[in-house]
Amino acid sequence: MLKGLSLFIIIILLTGCSKEVDVTIPSLERSMVVYSYNTVNDSIFFLKLSSTANMYDTIYPQINDAIVIVSSDNMIDTLNYIDSSEIYFSQTIAIKDEVELEIVKYPYKTIQASEVVPEKINLIECSAIPNAGIDTDGFIYSEVTIRFRDIAGMTNFFEIVLSEDIKGEEPFTIFSEDPSIKNEDYFPNTMLSPYPVSLPFKDILFDGREQTITIRYDAPLLISEETIIPYQKIYVHFRSVTENYFKYKTSLIIQENAKNGDIIYGMSEPVEVFTNILNGYGIFSVYQSEIIEIEMPEVIVK
């Protein structure tokens, strides 16, 4: 009886002890956010520009009236803005060994960034197998193999994207068993972390040697009386990228994985995405690219 009464009194006291506290979250100084990475041979140089937002903002404001200046090899151009695409662009700038950026927009701090063009890719061959095997979950996968020669005496960075379109705007989710990729910090290691749509990696394990990388993706299937992998046309985007690009892409993947948390350990710590923008955020980079078109015939799965 006494125990029940004591418990009742404690509950009354706890429910009566409440206090409203007003917390004022200060507005942070806004900064510009740059999103720009172009291939060396692109006919159009593009850049997207927005602003950071405060905690309760629901959109990231686009900036459409900044002065955006890009220079390379003594050639300087002020980029034009297209409202319909929300991008700044240039059709006259030609990227050489190094490219520099400056953005002026009041009341933001002036942005600066620079990037050195990476080495060209020494691609030897690229091939594909539509019905390459069955993974541990019982799904049929297709496989793309890339063979290339690495440049010795320096750390080189690469990225692979597989897509249905030549621009790489419709990428596949891809994975690999290659140690050069699986050993990267971003590579998924939990059940809740999905495979990414791009695989950045570096040449630490094969410096200066010929290397073969195999990439897998879930095969498209038509299932009726027979299981069929239909005709496929895919584009392999094999890129030589800069260290800045590599750090940005890998940290972005790690941040996305952290949002999913872990079924055992719960939510992950916040992850800061790498930036090479002085007085701002985002990425300004260039890369070399080989785009290989591959056609695969229809296959009946036995």
Protein backbone atom coordinates (compact mmCIF):
# COMPACT_ATOMS: atom_id res chain seq x y z
CA MET A 1 0.00 0.00 0.00
CA LEU A 2 2.76 2.41 0.99
CA LYS A 3 4.73 1.54 -2.14
CA GLY A 4 1.73 2.27 -4.34
CA LEU A 5 1.09 5.59 -2.57
CA SER A 6 4.73 6.60 -2.91
CA LEU A 7 4.69 5.80 -6.61
CA PHE A 8 1.50 7.84 -7.05
CA ILE A 9 3.06 10.86 -5.28
CA ILE A 10 6.23 10.64 -7.43
CA ILE A 11 4.18 10.55 -10.63
CA ILE A 12 2.18 13.62 -9.51
CA LEU A 13 5.37 15.54 -8.66
CA LEU A 14 7.04 14.66 -11.98
CA THR A 15 4.05 15.59 -14.10
CA GLY A 16 3.77 18.90 -12.26
CA CYS A 17 7.41 19.84 -12.86
CA SER A 18 7.44 21.43 -16.30
CA LYS A 19 8.82 24.68 -17.61
CA GLU A 20 8.74 26.28 -21.03
CA VAL A 21 12.09 27.55 -22.23
CA ASP A 22 12.47 29.82 -25.24
CA VAL A 23 15.61 29.04 -27.20
CA THR A 24 16.83 31.59 -29.70
CA ILE A 25 18.83 30.11 -32.54
CA PRO A 26 21.00 32.85 -34.08
CA SER A 27 21.03 33.30 -37.84
CA LEU A 28 24.40 32.40 -39.31
CA GLU A 29 26.22 34.51 -41.87
CA ARG A 30 25.24 33.27 -45.31
CA SER A 31 27.88 32.00 -47.72
CA MET A 32 27.81 31.14 -51.39
CA VAL A 33 27.77 27.48 -52.46
CA VAL A 34 29.44 26.48 -55.72
CA TYR A 35 28.71 23.34 -57.74
CA SER A 36 30.92 23.05 -60.79
CA TYR A 37 32.95 20.22 -62.28
CA ASN A 38 33.55 20.05 -66.00
CA THR A 39 35.40 17.77 -68.37
CA VAL A 40 38.46 19.25 -70.01
CA ASN A 41 36.97 18.91 -73.51
CA ASP A 42 33.46 20.18 -72.74
CA SER A 43 32.20 22.76 -75.25
CA ILE A 44 30.25 24.45 -72.42
CA PHE A 45 31.68 25.34 -69.02
CA PHE A 46 28.90 25.36 -66.40
CA LEU A 47 28.51 26.42 -62.77
CA LYS A 48 25.62 26.42 -60.31
CA LEU A 49 25.53 28.94 -57.50
CA SER A 50 23.32 29.07 -54.41
CA SER A 51 23.39 30.29 -50.83
CA THR A 52 23.61 28.49 -47.52
CA ALA A 53 20.37 28.37 -45.54
CA ASN A 54 19.47 28.62 -41.87
CA MET A 55 18.05 25.71 -39.87
CA TYR A 56 14.37 26.38 -40.60
CA ASP A 57 14.75 27.36 -44.27
CA THR A 58 13.11 24.91 -46.66
CA ILE A 59 14.97 25.94 -49.83
CA TYR A 60 18.51 26.91 -50.77
CA PRO A 61 18.21 30.28 -52.55
CA GLN A 62 19.69 30.37 -56.05
CA ILE A 63 21.98 33.32 -56.83
CA ASN A 64 21.43 34.59 -60.37
CA ASP A 65 23.17 37.97 -60.44
CA ALA A 66 26.73 37.32 -59.30
CA ILE A 67 29.84 38.22 -61.28
CA VAL A 68 31.42 34.85 -62.11
CA ILE A 69 34.89 34.98 -63.67
CA VAL A 70 36.76 31.90 -64.90
CA SER A 71 40.30 31.99 -66.27
CA SER A 72 42.66 29.42 -67.80
CA ASP A 73 45.93 29.84 -69.71
CA ASN A 74 45.62 33.66 -69.89
CA MET A 75 42.05 33.38 -71.18
CA ILE A 76 39.42 35.11 -69.02
CA ASP A 77 35.65 34.97 -69.36
CA THR A 78 32.66 36.25 -67.38
CA LEU A 79 29.97 33.58 -67.29
CA ASN A 80 26.39 34.27 -68.42
CA TYR A 81 23.33 33.12 -66.46
CA ILE A 82 20.44 31.07 -67.91
CA ASP A 83 17.23 31.46 -65.89
CA SER A 84 15.55 28.34 -67.27
CA SER A 85 18.45 26.08 -66.22
CA GLU A 86 19.63 28.11 -63.21
CA ILE A 87 23.26 27.82 -64.33
CA TYR A 88 26.12 30.11 -65.28
CA PHE A 89 27.89 29.08 -68.48
CA SER A 90 30.63 29.92 -70.96
CA GLN A 91 31.17 28.69 -74.51
CA THR A 92 34.48 30.47 -75.00
CA ILE A 93 36.68 29.35 -72.10
CA ALA A 94 39.11 26.55 -73.01
CA ILE A 95 40.50 24.62 -70.04
CA LYS A 96 44.26 24.10 -70.16
CA ASP A 97 46.66 23.05 -67.37
CA GLU A 98 45.00 25.07 -64.61
CA VAL A 99 41.69 26.86 -64.13
CA GLU A 100 40.79 29.60 -61.63
CA LEU A 101 37.49 30.96 -60.33
CA GLU A 102 36.39 34.22 -58.71
CA ILE A 103 32.82 35.13 -57.75
CA VAL A 104 31.72 38.56 -56.54
CA LYS A 105 28.26 39.15 -55.07
CA TYR A 106 27.33 41.65 -52.33
CA PRO A 107 26.92 41.10 -49.37
CA TYR A 108 28.72 37.75 -49.58
CA LYS A 109 32.45 37.33 -49.22
CA THR A 110 34.27 37.06 -52.55
CA ILE A 111 34.81 33.44 -53.53
CA GLN A 112 38.04 32.06 -54.97
CA ALA A 113 39.06 28.58 -56.10
CA SER A 114 41.57 26.96 -58.42
CA GLU A 115 42.17 23.51 -59.83
CA VAL A 116 44.93 21.71 -61.76
CA VAL A 117 43.85 19.51 -64.66
CA PRO A 118 44.49 15.78 -63.94
CA GLU A 119 46.41 13.45 -66.26
CA LYS A 120 44.71 11.80 -69.23
CA ILE A 121 43.46 8.22 -68.95
CA ASN A 122 45.45 5.48 -70.66
CA LEU A 123 42.49 3.20 -71.43
CA ILE A 124 43.34 -0.18 -72.97
CA GLU A 125 39.94 -1.87 -73.29
CA CYS A 126 36.42 -2.06 -71.89
CA SER A 127 34.03 -5.01 -72.13
CA ALA A 128 30.76 -6.25 -70.59
CA ILE A 129 28.90 -9.45 -69.72
CA PRO A 130 25.08 -9.20 -69.46
CA ASN A 131 24.63 -12.39 -67.36
CA ALA A 132 27.73 -12.37 -65.15
CA GLY A 133 26.47 -14.17 -62.06
CA ILE A 134 24.19 -14.19 -59.02
CA ASP A 135 24.99 -12.20 -55.88
CA THR A 136 24.58 -13.33 -52.25
CA ASP A 137 20.99 -12.03 -52.20
CA GLY A 138 20.05 -14.12 -55.23
CA PHE A 139 19.95 -11.26 -57.77
CA ILE A 140 21.41 -11.59 -61.27
CA TYR A 141 24.03 -8.99 -62.08
CA SER A 142 25.68 -7.66 -65.23
CA GLU A 143 29.37 -6.85 -65.26
CA VAL A 144 31.66 -4.26 -66.87
CA THR A 145 35.44 -4.71 -66.98
CA ILE A 146 37.86 -1.82 -67.55
CA ARG A 147 41.56 -2.32 -68.26
CA PHE A 148 43.95 0.64 -68.20
CA ARG A 149 47.54 1.63 -67.43
CA ASP A 150 48.30 3.86 -64.46
CA ILE A 151 50.89 6.66 -64.46
CA ALA A 152 53.76 5.91 -62.05
CA GLY A 153 55.32 8.14 -59.42
CA MET A 154 52.21 10.08 -58.38
CA THR A 155 48.88 9.47 -56.67
CA ASN A 156 46.16 9.32 -59.31
CA PHE A 157 42.43 9.48 -58.63
CA PHE A 158 39.64 7.93 -60.69
CA GLU A 159 35.87 7.60 -60.82
CA ILE A 160 33.58 5.15 -62.61
CA VAL A 161 29.92 5.79 -63.46
CA LEU A 162 27.61 3.52 -65.48
CA SER A 163 24.53 5.07 -67.04
CA GLU A 164 21.80 4.68 -69.63
CA ASP A 165 22.64 8.05 -71.20
CA ILE A 166 25.80 9.60 -72.58
CA LYS A 167 25.65 12.52 -70.15
CA GLY A 168 25.60 10.28 -67.08
CA GLU A 169 22.37 11.75 -65.76
CA GLU A 170 20.68 8.35 -65.33
CA PRO A 171 23.32 6.35 -63.44
CA PHE A 172 23.04 2.78 -62.19
CA THR A 173 23.66 1.75 -58.60
CA ILE A 174 27.00 -0.06 -58.87
CA PHE A 175 29.33 -2.13 -56.70
CA SER A 176 32.68 -3.89 -56.94
CA GLU A 177 34.73 -6.53 -55.18
CA ASP A 178 38.01 -4.88 -56.21
CA PRO A 179 40.18 -4.04 -53.15
CA SER A 180 41.06 -0.63 -54.62
CA ILE A 181 37.39 0.28 -54.28
CA LYS A 182 36.25 -1.81 -51.29
CA ASN A 183 39.07 -0.41 -49.13
CA GLU A 184 37.89 3.18 -49.58
CA ASP A 185 36.31 4.73 -46.47
CA TYR A 186 33.03 5.52 -48.21
CA PHE A 187 32.32 1.97 -49.40
CA PRO A 188 29.12 0.67 -47.71
CA ASN A 189 29.73 -1.57 -44.69
CA THR A 190 26.25 -1.74 -43.15
CA MET A 191 22.92 -3.20 -44.27
CA LEU A 192 21.33 0.26 -44.37
CA SER A 193 24.00 1.88 -46.56
CA PRO A 194 23.06 1.56 -50.23
CA TYR A 195 25.62 1.10 -52.98
CA PRO A 196 26.52 4.43 -54.63
CA VAL A 197 25.98 5.57 -58.24
CA SER A 198 29.68 6.36 -58.66
CA LEU A 199 32.84 4.61 -57.48
CA PRO A 200 35.80 6.93 -56.76
CA PHE A 201 39.15 5.25 -56.08
CA LYS A 202 42.91 5.90 -56.15
CA ASP A 203 45.94 3.98 -57.39
CA ILE A 204 47.72 3.17 -54.12
CA LEU A 205 47.47 -0.61 -54.76
CA PHE A 206 48.58 -0.51 -58.42
CA ASP A 207 50.82 2.55 -58.85
CA GLY A 208 52.31 2.63 -62.36
CA ARG A 209 50.95 -0.76 -63.40
CA GLU A 210 48.31 -2.10 -65.74
CA GLN A 211 45.09 -2.57 -63.80
CA THR A 212 41.76 -4.30 -64.40
CA ILE A 213 38.66 -3.10 -62.52
CA THR A 214 35.37 -5.03 -62.60
CA ILE A 215 32.08 -3.24 -61.86
CA ARG A 216 28.73 -4.93 -61.23
CA TYR A 217 25.12 -3.74 -61.35
CA ASP A 218 21.73 -5.41 -61.06
CA ALA A 219 20.74 -6.77 -64.46
CA PRO A 220 17.40 -5.60 -65.90
CA LEU A 221 15.02 -8.57 -66.08
CA LEU A 222 11.90 -9.48 -68.02
CA ILE A 223 10.13 -12.38 -66.31
CA SER A 224 7.35 -14.34 -67.98
CA GLU A 225 7.64 -18.01 -69.00
CA GLU A 226 11.37 -17.38 -69.23
CA THR A 227 13.69 -14.99 -67.42
CA ILE A 228 15.24 -12.64 -69.98
CA ILE A 229 17.92 -9.97 -69.71
CA PRO A 230 16.82 -7.62 -72.51
CA TYR A 231 19.08 -5.84 -74.98
CA GLN A 232 21.13 -3.18 -73.20
CA LYS A 233 22.96 -0.07 -74.34
CA ILE A 234 24.99 1.46 -71.52
CA TYR A 235 27.65 4.15 -71.22
CA VAL A 236 30.76 3.66 -69.13
CA HIS A 237 32.12 6.95 -67.79
CA PHE A 238 35.72 6.40 -66.75
CA ARG A 239 37.23 9.57 -65.28
CA SER A 240 40.62 10.78 -64.18
CA VAL A 241 39.81 13.24 -61.40
CA THR A 242 41.64 15.59 -59.05
CA GLU A 243 42.29 15.04 -55.36
CA ASN A 244 39.78 17.82 -54.54
CA TYR A 245 37.10 16.10 -56.64
CA PHE A 246 37.90 12.75 -54.99
CA LYS A 247 37.65 14.19 -51.46
CA TYR A 248 34.38 15.96 -52.27
CA LYS A 249 32.72 12.91 -53.84
CA THR A 250 33.83 10.44 -51.14
CA SER A 251 32.82 12.75 -48.27
CA LEU A 252 29.44 13.30 -49.95
CA ILE A 253 28.83 9.54 -50.12
CA ILE A 254 29.89 9.16 -46.47
CA GLN A 255 27.47 11.92 -45.48
CA GLU A 256 24.61 10.24 -47.35
CA ASN A 257 25.39 6.92 -45.66
CA ALA A 258 25.50 8.63 -42.24
CA LYS A 259 21.92 9.86 -42.74
CA ASN A 260 20.75 6.23 -42.79
CA GLY A 261 22.23 5.47 -39.37
CA ASP A 262 23.01 1.95 -38.22
CA ILE A 263 20.59 -0.74 -37.08
CA ILE A 264 22.86 -1.54 -34.09
CA TYR A 265 24.60 1.72 -33.20
CA GLY A 266 21.86 4.16 -34.14
CA MET A 267 22.42 7.53 -35.81
CA SER A 268 25.92 8.43 -36.98
CA GLU A 269 27.89 11.55 -36.18
CA PRO A 270 27.43 14.50 -38.58
CA VAL A 271 29.79 14.43 -41.57
CA GLU A 272 31.25 17.60 -43.04
CA VAL A 273 31.50 17.51 -46.83
CA PHE A 274 34.90 18.55 -48.23
CA THR A 275 35.14 21.88 -50.05
CA ASN A 276 37.89 23.60 -51.99
CA ILE A 277 36.06 26.94 -52.09
CA LEU A 278 37.71 29.85 -50.26
CA ASN A 279 35.07 31.88 -48.34
CA GLY A 280 32.30 29.49 -49.37
CA TYR A 281 31.26 25.88 -49.81
CA GLY A 282 30.91 23.32 -52.60
CA ILE A 283 33.23 22.08 -55.30
CA PHE A 284 35.07 23.62 -58.25
CA SER A 285 36.93 21.02 -60.28
CA VAL A 286 37.72 19.57 -63.71
CA TYR A 287 38.35 16.01 -64.91
CA GLN A 288 39.46 13.96 -67.90
CA SER A 289 36.88 11.51 -69.20
CA GLU A 290 36.59 8.48 -71.45
CA ILE A 291 33.00 7.55 -72.38
CA ILE A 292 32.56 4.06 -73.80
CA GLU A 293 29.29 2.95 -75.39
CA ILE A 294 28.56 -0.75 -74.94
CA GLU A 295 25.74 -2.77 -76.48
CA MET A 296 24.78 -6.16 -75.04
CA PRO A 297 22.40 -8.59 -76.77
CA GLU A 298 19.31 -10.10 -75.20
CA VAL A 299 20.09 -13.11 -73.04
CA ILE A 300 17.80 -15.92 -71.81
CA VAL A 301 18.76 -16.81 -68.26
CA LYS A 302 19.00 -20.58 -67.78
